[in-house]
Amino acid sequence: MIELRNVSKIYPNGTKGLNNINLTFGKGEFVVVVGLSGAGKSTLLRSINRLHEISEGDIRIQGQSITAAKGVQLRRIRRGIGMVFQSFNLVKRSSVLRNVLAGRVGYHSTLRTLFGFPKHDVELALQALGRVNIAEKAYTRADQLSGGQQQRVAIARVLAQEAQIILADEPVASLDPLTTKQVMDDLQRINQELGITTIVNLHYIDLAREYATRIVGLRAGEVVFDGPVSEATDERFAEIYGRPIQRDELLEVAQP
């Protein structure tokens, strides 16, 4: 589904964000990427979607090089990759439905979207909102929602996009423990029910262990661990972080 071949990313100031990364992600996997701030987690996800241009190597999505893609081909590849951000990235003054419909933009010309979306797109958006249990908020302004509700809208936008891949960059970093569990449950359920390949950057180790089937550990832009969650022991996490695990890197998730 996703293949990174000898991928490196060097920023203009000389900082190396990624260093010779070789990774493969299969269809339907739920992978959590962990590591210290600055380890390269966000750079990795943004490189997969080509929000960052890599310096060396190649990234292939379902056999097609997104690194070399241009124009229509790049647009089609990106259409299959949904992004969920820590800051939600919603248009706060617009309705929830309008925000979810933004996931359909890649299927139409700019001119077409200026005159509204087809009925089929609206139905897809409403179905997506129903899947994350927030359909009743469809006509509410996004800035009237709680943080957890806004993140659910962002997930619904990806579903309306009909993405085959979800890249979630610290999606629960700004949420309380109970809301964190609800959002992670949504991502896990969508992954299991729809078979969408899901890669999530997380800071909290307990969440990684609870939700991942596979964990990738980054340190200074390099892969230092890649294996099933059963092998992600405290000792392994200490290797990833370069020190013993700290309390603020755990999260006690409240049960509903």
Protein backbone atom coordinates (compact mmCIF):
# COMPACT_ATOMS: atom_id res chain seq x y z
CA MET A 1 0.00 0.00 0.00
CA ILE A 2 2.79 2.42 0.99
CA GLU A 3 6.50 1.93 0.38
CA LEU A 4 9.34 4.25 1.39
CA ARG A 5 12.64 3.53 -0.30
CA ASN A 6 15.81 5.12 1.10
CA VAL A 7 13.88 8.28 2.01
CA SER A 8 15.73 11.23 3.51
CA LYS A 9 14.53 14.76 4.21
CA ILE A 10 16.99 17.58 4.83
CA TYR A 11 15.61 21.00 5.69
CA PRO A 12 17.15 24.22 4.28
CA ASN A 13 18.93 24.91 7.58
CA GLY A 14 20.70 21.55 7.29
CA THR A 15 18.57 19.70 9.84
CA LYS A 16 17.95 16.10 8.83
CA GLY A 17 14.28 15.27 9.39
CA LEU A 18 14.48 11.74 7.99
CA ASN A 19 17.57 9.64 7.39
CA ASN A 20 17.45 6.76 4.88
CA ILE A 21 14.01 5.45 5.85
CA ASN A 22 12.87 2.11 4.43
CA LEU A 23 9.34 1.14 5.45
CA THR A 24 6.40 -0.73 3.96
CA PHE A 25 2.81 -0.40 5.18
CA GLY A 26 0.31 -3.05 4.10
CA LYS A 27 -3.37 -2.64 3.32
CA GLY A 28 -5.56 -2.43 6.41
CA GLU A 29 -2.75 -2.03 8.94
CA PHE A 30 -3.17 0.16 12.02
CA VAL A 31 0.34 1.47 12.70
CA VAL A 32 1.32 3.87 15.47
CA VAL A 33 4.51 5.90 15.09
CA VAL A 34 6.17 6.98 18.34
CA GLY A 35 9.22 9.01 19.32
CA LEU A 36 10.31 12.19 20.99
CA SER A 37 9.30 15.59 19.64
CA GLY A 38 11.59 16.27 16.70
CA ALA A 39 12.17 12.57 16.02
CA GLY A 40 10.64 12.89 12.54
CA LYS A 41 7.09 11.62 13.10
CA SER A 42 5.30 14.56 11.46
CA THR A 43 7.92 14.76 8.72
CA LEU A 44 7.29 11.11 7.93
CA LEU A 45 3.53 11.51 7.54
CA ARG A 46 3.77 14.76 5.61
CA SER A 47 6.32 13.21 3.27
CA ILE A 48 4.01 10.28 2.50
CA ASN A 49 1.34 12.75 1.36
CA ARG A 50 3.98 14.99 -0.24
CA LEU A 51 3.12 17.94 1.94
CA HIS A 52 6.90 17.86 2.38
CA GLU A 53 9.21 17.28 -0.57
CA ILE A 54 11.78 14.63 0.30
CA SER A 55 15.47 15.19 -0.44
CA GLU A 56 16.36 11.64 -1.47
CA GLY A 57 14.63 8.35 -2.21
CA ASP A 58 11.17 7.46 -3.42
CA ILE A 59 7.71 7.01 -1.89
CA ARG A 60 5.22 4.78 -3.68
CA ILE A 61 1.49 4.63 -3.04
CA GLN A 62 -0.20 1.50 -4.39
CA GLY A 63 2.70 1.06 -6.79
CA GLN A 64 2.75 4.65 -8.05
CA SER A 65 5.55 7.07 -7.19
CA ILE A 66 4.05 10.08 -5.44
CA THR A 67 7.57 11.53 -5.40
CA ALA A 68 7.67 11.77 -9.20
CA ALA A 69 3.96 12.37 -9.81
CA LYS A 70 2.75 15.65 -11.29
CA GLY A 71 -0.50 17.29 -12.27
CA VAL A 72 -3.51 15.01 -12.61
CA GLN A 73 -1.60 11.93 -11.45
CA LEU A 74 -0.49 13.64 -8.23
CA ARG A 75 -4.01 14.84 -7.59
CA ARG A 76 -5.41 11.34 -8.02
CA ILE A 77 -2.86 9.78 -5.68
CA ARG A 78 -3.46 12.43 -3.01
CA ARG A 79 -7.20 11.94 -3.34
CA GLY A 80 -6.74 8.50 -1.81
CA ILE A 81 -4.80 9.82 1.20
CA GLY A 82 -6.70 11.53 4.02
CA MET A 83 -5.01 13.70 6.63
CA VAL A 84 -6.15 14.25 10.22
CA PHE A 85 -4.28 17.01 12.03
CA GLN A 86 -3.79 17.90 15.68
CA SER A 87 -5.33 21.34 15.05
CA PHE A 88 -8.36 19.84 13.19
CA ASN A 89 -7.87 22.19 10.17
CA LEU A 90 -11.55 23.12 9.89
CA VAL A 91 -13.06 26.29 8.50
CA LYS A 92 -14.52 27.47 11.79
CA ARG A 93 -17.13 29.84 10.31
CA SER A 94 -18.53 27.15 7.99
CA SER A 95 -21.02 24.45 8.87
CA VAL A 96 -19.95 20.96 9.82
CA LEU A 97 -21.44 19.62 6.58
CA ARG A 98 -19.53 22.13 4.48
CA ASN A 99 -16.30 21.15 6.21
CA VAL A 100 -16.92 17.47 5.49
CA LEU A 101 -17.75 18.26 1.86
CA ALA A 102 -14.24 19.69 1.55
CA GLY A 103 -13.18 16.05 1.29
CA ARG A 104 -14.92 15.90 -2.09
CA VAL A 105 -13.02 18.82 -3.63
CA GLY A 106 -10.46 16.51 -5.24
CA TYR A 107 -13.19 14.92 -7.35
CA HIS A 108 -14.34 18.12 -9.03
CA SER A 109 -13.03 21.19 -10.81
CA THR A 110 -12.74 24.39 -8.79
CA LEU A 111 -15.53 25.93 -10.86
CA ARG A 112 -17.86 23.03 -10.07
CA THR A 113 -17.39 23.38 -6.31
CA LEU A 114 -18.18 27.09 -6.46
CA PHE A 115 -21.72 26.19 -7.52
CA GLY A 116 -22.20 23.59 -4.81
CA PHE A 117 -21.74 19.85 -4.55
CA PRO A 118 -23.86 17.14 -6.22
CA LYS A 119 -26.48 15.29 -4.18
CA HIS A 120 -24.28 12.19 -4.15
CA ASP A 121 -21.51 14.11 -2.38
CA VAL A 122 -23.90 15.48 0.23
CA GLU A 123 -25.18 11.96 0.91
CA LEU A 124 -21.60 10.70 1.32
CA ALA A 125 -20.84 13.54 3.75
CA LEU A 126 -23.93 12.82 5.86
CA GLN A 127 -23.09 9.11 5.92
CA ALA A 128 -19.55 9.96 7.07
CA LEU A 129 -20.91 12.11 9.90
CA GLY A 130 -23.17 9.25 10.91
CA ARG A 131 -20.24 6.86 11.07
CA VAL A 132 -18.56 9.06 13.70
CA ASN A 133 -21.88 9.66 15.52
CA ILE A 134 -22.14 13.37 14.90
CA ALA A 135 -24.75 13.60 12.12
CA GLU A 136 -27.01 15.80 14.27
CA LYS A 137 -24.37 18.55 14.10
CA ALA A 138 -24.35 18.72 10.28
CA TYR A 139 -25.72 22.27 10.11
CA THR A 140 -23.93 23.61 13.19
CA ARG A 141 -20.99 25.98 12.75
CA ALA A 142 -17.69 24.23 13.36
CA ASP A 143 -16.57 26.80 15.94
CA GLN A 144 -19.52 25.83 18.16
CA LEU A 145 -18.22 22.29 18.63
CA SER A 146 -15.95 20.89 21.32
CA GLY A 147 -12.43 19.81 20.44
CA GLY A 148 -13.41 16.16 20.29
CA GLN A 149 -16.37 16.92 18.05
CA GLN A 150 -14.17 18.96 15.73
CA GLN A 151 -11.75 16.06 15.41
CA ARG A 152 -14.65 13.77 14.55
CA VAL A 153 -15.63 16.20 11.80
CA ALA A 154 -12.06 15.99 10.49
CA ILE A 155 -12.31 12.17 10.45
CA ALA A 156 -15.67 12.39 8.66
CA ARG A 157 -14.03 14.64 6.03
CA VAL A 158 -11.50 11.87 5.32
CA LEU A 159 -14.32 9.31 5.03
CA ALA A 160 -16.21 11.54 2.59
CA GLN A 161 -12.98 11.76 0.61
CA GLU A 162 -13.18 7.96 0.24
CA ALA A 163 -9.52 7.72 1.20
CA GLN A 164 -7.81 4.34 1.26
CA ILE A 165 -5.14 5.68 3.62
CA ILE A 166 -5.54 7.79 6.78
CA LEU A 167 -2.54 9.68 8.13
CA ALA A 168 -3.29 11.09 11.59
CA ASP A 169 -0.67 13.47 13.01
CA GLU A 170 -1.04 13.64 16.81
CA PRO A 171 -4.86 13.62 16.48
CA VAL A 172 -5.52 13.53 20.25
CA ALA A 173 -2.70 15.74 21.55
CA SER A 174 -5.06 18.57 22.56
CA LEU A 175 -7.90 16.39 23.91
CA ASP A 176 -8.80 15.21 27.41
CA PRO A 177 -8.46 11.49 28.25
CA LEU A 178 -12.13 10.55 27.76
CA THR A 179 -12.39 12.38 24.42
CA THR A 180 -9.05 10.88 23.43
CA LYS A 181 -10.49 7.39 23.86
CA GLN A 182 -13.57 8.26 21.82
CA VAL A 183 -11.52 9.60 18.90
CA MET A 184 -9.08 6.68 18.98
CA ASP A 185 -12.03 4.26 19.13
CA ASP A 186 -13.43 5.94 16.00
CA LEU A 187 -10.14 5.55 14.13
CA GLN A 188 -9.79 1.93 15.20
CA ARG A 189 -13.38 1.05 14.27
CA ILE A 190 -13.05 2.70 10.85
CA ASN A 191 -9.81 0.83 10.26
CA GLN A 192 -11.38 -2.50 11.17
CA GLU A 193 -14.73 -2.03 9.42
CA LEU A 194 -13.50 -0.41 6.21
CA GLY A 195 -9.99 -1.82 5.99
CA ILE A 196 -8.46 1.65 5.61
CA THR A 197 -4.71 1.65 6.14
CA THR A 198 -4.16 3.91 9.15
CA ILE A 199 -0.91 5.45 10.38
CA VAL A 200 -1.13 7.52 13.57
CA ASN A 201 1.55 9.59 15.25
CA LEU A 202 1.15 9.45 19.02
CA HIS A 203 3.02 10.83 21.99
CA TYR A 204 1.38 8.58 24.58
CA ILE A 205 2.85 5.09 24.98
CA ASP A 206 -0.23 3.55 26.62
CA LEU A 207 -2.35 4.58 23.62
CA ALA A 208 0.16 3.10 21.21
CA ARG A 209 0.01 -0.22 23.05
CA GLU A 210 -3.79 -0.21 23.25
CA TYR A 211 -4.63 0.62 19.64
CA ALA A 212 -1.71 -0.36 17.41
CA THR A 213 -1.16 -3.71 15.79
CA ARG A 214 2.32 -2.53 14.82
CA ILE A 215 4.57 0.16 16.27
CA VAL A 216 7.29 2.09 14.46
CA GLY A 217 9.75 3.98 16.66
CA LEU A 218 11.68 6.96 15.31
CA ARG A 219 14.72 8.58 16.87
CA ALA A 220 16.61 11.46 15.24
CA GLY A 221 14.96 10.72 11.90
CA GLU A 222 15.83 7.03 11.88
CA VAL A 223 13.77 3.88 12.43
CA VAL A 224 14.98 2.29 15.67
CA PHE A 225 12.05 -0.08 16.17
CA ASP A 226 9.51 -1.71 13.86
CA GLY A 227 7.48 -4.59 15.16
CA PRO A 228 4.22 -5.91 16.58
CA VAL A 229 2.79 -4.30 19.69
CA SER A 230 3.59 -7.48 21.64
CA GLU A 231 7.29 -6.68 21.30
CA ALA A 232 6.93 -3.04 22.41
CA THR A 233 8.22 -3.54 25.95
CA ASP A 234 9.30 -0.80 28.34
CA GLU A 235 12.88 -1.64 27.40
CA ARG A 236 12.11 -1.14 23.71
CA PHE A 237 10.48 2.22 24.41
CA ALA A 238 13.53 3.23 26.44
CA GLU A 239 15.63 2.51 23.35
CA ILE A 240 13.30 4.56 21.16
CA TYR A 241 13.30 7.52 23.54
CA GLY A 242 16.95 7.17 24.53
CA ARG A 243 16.03 7.12 28.21
CA PRO A 244 13.56 5.51 30.64
CA ILE A 245 9.87 6.24 30.03
CA GLN A 246 8.53 9.32 31.82
CA ARG A 247 5.12 9.57 33.45
CA ASP A 248 3.97 12.34 31.08
CA GLU A 249 4.50 9.96 28.17
CA LEU A 250 1.76 7.70 29.50
CA LEU A 251 -1.95 8.41 29.54
CA GLU A 252 -4.59 7.00 31.84
CA VAL A 253 -7.59 6.71 29.55
CA ALA A 254 -10.86 7.05 31.42
CA GLN A 255 -13.47 4.41 30.67
CA PRO A 256 -16.94 5.68 29.66
